[in-house]
Amino acid sequence: MDPLILFVFVLAAFLGVELIAKVPSQLHTPLMSGTNAISGITIVGAVAVAAAAVGTSRLGAALGFAAIFLATVNVVGGYFVTDRMLGMFKSKKEGK
């Protein structure tokens, strides 16, 4: 594996953790709904990587499929969070 790719991966993971840790909780939900589109793009890229690596590299294929799974979990979780946030703004029925 190319050391540059490993370095970029570790750097991206570190910066992602640092960035999310510094976001106030009031902004986290709107940011989560905004990142659903980015995660959708990540899924498309992960599918392309997994498809290209299936015949050539087992590690590349495994990482591609892991990226597909994790990005899908992120998208689904983002939609649940967004739905919950929008549910907070619905008016409550008197009979319930």
C-alpha atoms as a PDB file:
ATOM      1  CA  MET A   1       0.000   0.000   0.000  1.00  0.00           C
ATOM      2  CA  ASP A   2       1.250   3.446  -0.883  1.00  0.00           C
ATOM      3  CA  PRO A   3       2.397   5.363   2.238  1.00  0.00           C
ATOM      4  CA  LEU A   4       0.950   8.600   0.850  1.00  0.00           C
ATOM      5  CA  ILE A   5      -2.548   7.104   0.679  1.00  0.00           C
ATOM      6  CA  LEU A   6      -2.227   5.812   4.232  1.00  0.00           C
ATOM      7  CA  PHE A   7      -1.030   9.246   5.401  1.00  0.00           C
ATOM      8  CA  VAL A   8      -3.984  10.997   3.717  1.00  0.00           C
ATOM      9  CA  PHE A   9      -6.403   8.506   5.277  1.00  0.00           C
ATOM     10  CA  VAL A  10      -5.002   8.975   8.800  1.00  0.00           C
ATOM     11  CA  LEU A  11      -4.927  12.753   8.380  1.00  0.00           C
ATOM     12  CA  ALA A  12      -8.537  12.831   7.133  1.00  0.00           C
ATOM     13  CA  ALA A  13      -9.708  10.656  10.035  1.00  0.00           C
ATOM     14  CA  PHE A  14      -7.917  12.852  12.588  1.00  0.00           C
ATOM     15  CA  LEU A  15      -9.230  16.094  11.092  1.00  0.00           C
ATOM     16  CA  GLY A  16     -12.760  14.700  10.875  1.00  0.00           C
ATOM     17  CA  VAL A  17     -12.784  13.750  14.555  1.00  0.00           C
ATOM     18  CA  GLU A  18     -11.380  17.132  15.567  1.00  0.00           C
ATOM     19  CA  LEU A  19     -13.878  19.022  13.432  1.00  0.00           C
ATOM     20  CA  ILE A  20     -16.944  17.147  14.678  1.00  0.00           C
ATOM     21  CA  ALA A  21     -15.796  17.432  18.304  1.00  0.00           C
ATOM     22  CA  LYS A  22     -15.728  21.224  18.025  1.00  0.00           C
ATOM     23  CA  VAL A  23     -19.240  21.632  16.530  1.00  0.00           C
ATOM     24  CA  PRO A  24     -21.778  22.900  19.099  1.00  0.00           C
ATOM     25  CA  SER A  25     -24.754  20.614  19.694  1.00  0.00           C
ATOM     26  CA  GLN A  26     -27.190  23.254  18.368  1.00  0.00           C
ATOM     27  CA  LEU A  27     -25.525  23.063  14.946  1.00  0.00           C
ATOM     28  CA  HIS A  28     -25.002  19.317  14.830  1.00  0.00           C
ATOM     29  CA  THR A  29     -28.478  18.369  13.574  1.00  0.00           C
ATOM     30  CA  PRO A  30     -28.597  20.874  10.676  1.00  0.00           C
ATOM     31  CA  LEU A  31     -25.076  19.860   9.694  1.00  0.00           C
ATOM     32  CA  MET A  32     -26.086  16.200   9.795  1.00  0.00           C
ATOM     33  CA  SER A  33     -28.928  16.783   7.376  1.00  0.00           C
ATOM     34  CA  GLY A  34     -26.561  18.716   5.115  1.00  0.00           C
ATOM     35  CA  THR A  35     -23.991  15.938   5.072  1.00  0.00           C
ATOM     36  CA  ASN A  36     -26.499  13.424   3.709  1.00  0.00           C
ATOM     37  CA  ALA A  37     -25.769  14.710   0.207  1.00  0.00           C
ATOM     38  CA  ILE A  38     -22.024  14.383   0.794  1.00  0.00           C
ATOM     39  CA  SER A  39     -22.498  10.842   2.079  1.00  0.00           C
ATOM     40  CA  GLY A  40     -24.505  10.048  -1.038  1.00  0.00           C
ATOM     41  CA  ILE A  41     -21.542  11.149  -3.131  1.00  0.00           C
ATOM     42  CA  THR A  42     -19.306   9.023  -0.904  1.00  0.00           C
ATOM     43  CA  ILE A  43     -21.491   5.997  -1.619  1.00  0.00           C
ATOM     44  CA  VAL A  44     -21.151   6.543  -5.376  1.00  0.00           C
ATOM     45  CA  GLY A  45     -17.354   6.849  -5.044  1.00  0.00           C
ATOM     46  CA  ALA A  46     -17.163   3.787  -2.803  1.00  0.00           C
ATOM     47  CA  VAL A  47     -19.165   1.746  -5.306  1.00  0.00           C
ATOM     48  CA  ALA A  48     -16.745   2.789  -8.048  1.00  0.00           C
ATOM     49  CA  VAL A  49     -13.713   1.892  -5.909  1.00  0.00           C
ATOM     50  CA  ALA A  50     -15.163  -1.453  -4.858  1.00  0.00           C
ATOM     51  CA  ALA A  51     -16.072  -2.306  -8.449  1.00  0.00           C
ATOM     52  CA  ALA A  52     -12.599  -1.414  -9.710  1.00  0.00           C
ATOM     53  CA  ALA A  53     -10.845  -3.346  -6.947  1.00  0.00           C
ATOM     54  CA  VAL A  54     -12.893  -6.547  -7.052  1.00  0.00           C
ATOM     55  CA  GLY A  55     -10.682  -8.287  -9.595  1.00  0.00           C
ATOM     56  CA  THR A  56      -7.348  -6.813  -8.550  1.00  0.00           C
ATOM     57  CA  SER A  57      -7.083  -6.337  -4.801  1.00  0.00           C
ATOM     58  CA  ARG A  58      -8.831  -8.041  -1.920  1.00  0.00           C
ATOM     59  CA  LEU A  59      -7.887  -5.247   0.485  1.00  0.00           C
ATOM     60  CA  GLY A  60      -9.183  -2.594  -1.902  1.00  0.00           C
ATOM     61  CA  ALA A  61     -12.441  -4.472  -2.377  1.00  0.00           C
ATOM     62  CA  ALA A  62     -12.869  -4.930   1.382  1.00  0.00           C
ATOM     63  CA  LEU A  63     -12.207  -1.250   2.034  1.00  0.00           C
ATOM     64  CA  GLY A  64     -14.606  -0.301  -0.760  1.00  0.00           C
ATOM     65  CA  PHE A  65     -17.380  -2.446   0.663  1.00  0.00           C
ATOM     66  CA  ALA A  66     -16.690  -1.112   4.173  1.00  0.00           C
ATOM     67  CA  ALA A  67     -16.943   2.431   2.799  1.00  0.00           C
ATOM     68  CA  ILE A  68     -20.270   1.582   1.162  1.00  0.00           C
ATOM     69  CA  PHE A  69     -21.611   0.174   4.431  1.00  0.00           C
ATOM     70  CA  LEU A  70     -20.410   3.050   6.615  1.00  0.00           C
ATOM     71  CA  ALA A  71     -21.629   5.759   4.235  1.00  0.00           C
ATOM     72  CA  THR A  72     -25.019   4.043   4.009  1.00  0.00           C
ATOM     73  CA  VAL A  73     -25.268   3.943   7.804  1.00  0.00           C
ATOM     74  CA  ASN A  74     -24.402   7.646   7.860  1.00  0.00           C
ATOM     75  CA  VAL A  75     -27.108   8.509   5.314  1.00  0.00           C
ATOM     76  CA  VAL A  76     -29.800   6.462   7.070  1.00  0.00           C
ATOM     77  CA  GLY A  77     -28.833   7.888  10.476  1.00  0.00           C
ATOM     78  CA  GLY A  78     -28.892  11.392   9.042  1.00  0.00           C
ATOM     79  CA  TYR A  79     -32.413  10.902   7.741  1.00  0.00           C
ATOM     80  CA  PHE A  80     -33.569   9.610  11.125  1.00  0.00           C
ATOM     81  CA  VAL A  81     -32.023  12.605  12.879  1.00  0.00           C
ATOM     82  CA  THR A  82     -33.578  15.003  10.368  1.00  0.00           C
ATOM     83  CA  ASP A  83     -36.985  13.338  10.751  1.00  0.00           C
ATOM     84  CA  ARG A  84     -36.735  13.607  14.527  1.00  0.00           C
ATOM     85  CA  MET A  85     -35.748  17.269  14.263  1.00  0.00           C
ATOM     86  CA  LEU A  86     -38.689  18.029  11.980  1.00  0.00           C
ATOM     87  CA  GLY A  87     -40.997  16.140  14.362  1.00  0.00           C
ATOM     88  CA  MET A  88     -40.123  18.635  17.072  1.00  0.00           C
ATOM     89  CA  PHE A  89     -41.775  21.389  15.018  1.00  0.00           C
ATOM     90  CA  LYS A  90     -45.082  19.586  14.421  1.00  0.00           C
ATOM     91  CA  SER A  91     -48.053  20.795  16.415  1.00  0.00           C
ATOM     92  CA  LYS A  92     -49.293  18.410  19.067  1.00  0.00           C
ATOM     93  CA  LYS A  93     -52.846  17.110  18.720  1.00  0.00           C
ATOM     94  CA  GLU A  94     -55.207  17.922  21.593  1.00  0.00           C
ATOM     95  CA  GLY A  95     -56.691  14.410  21.718  1.00  0.00           C
ATOM     96  CA  LYS A  96     -53.427  12.547  22.069  1.00  0.00           C
END
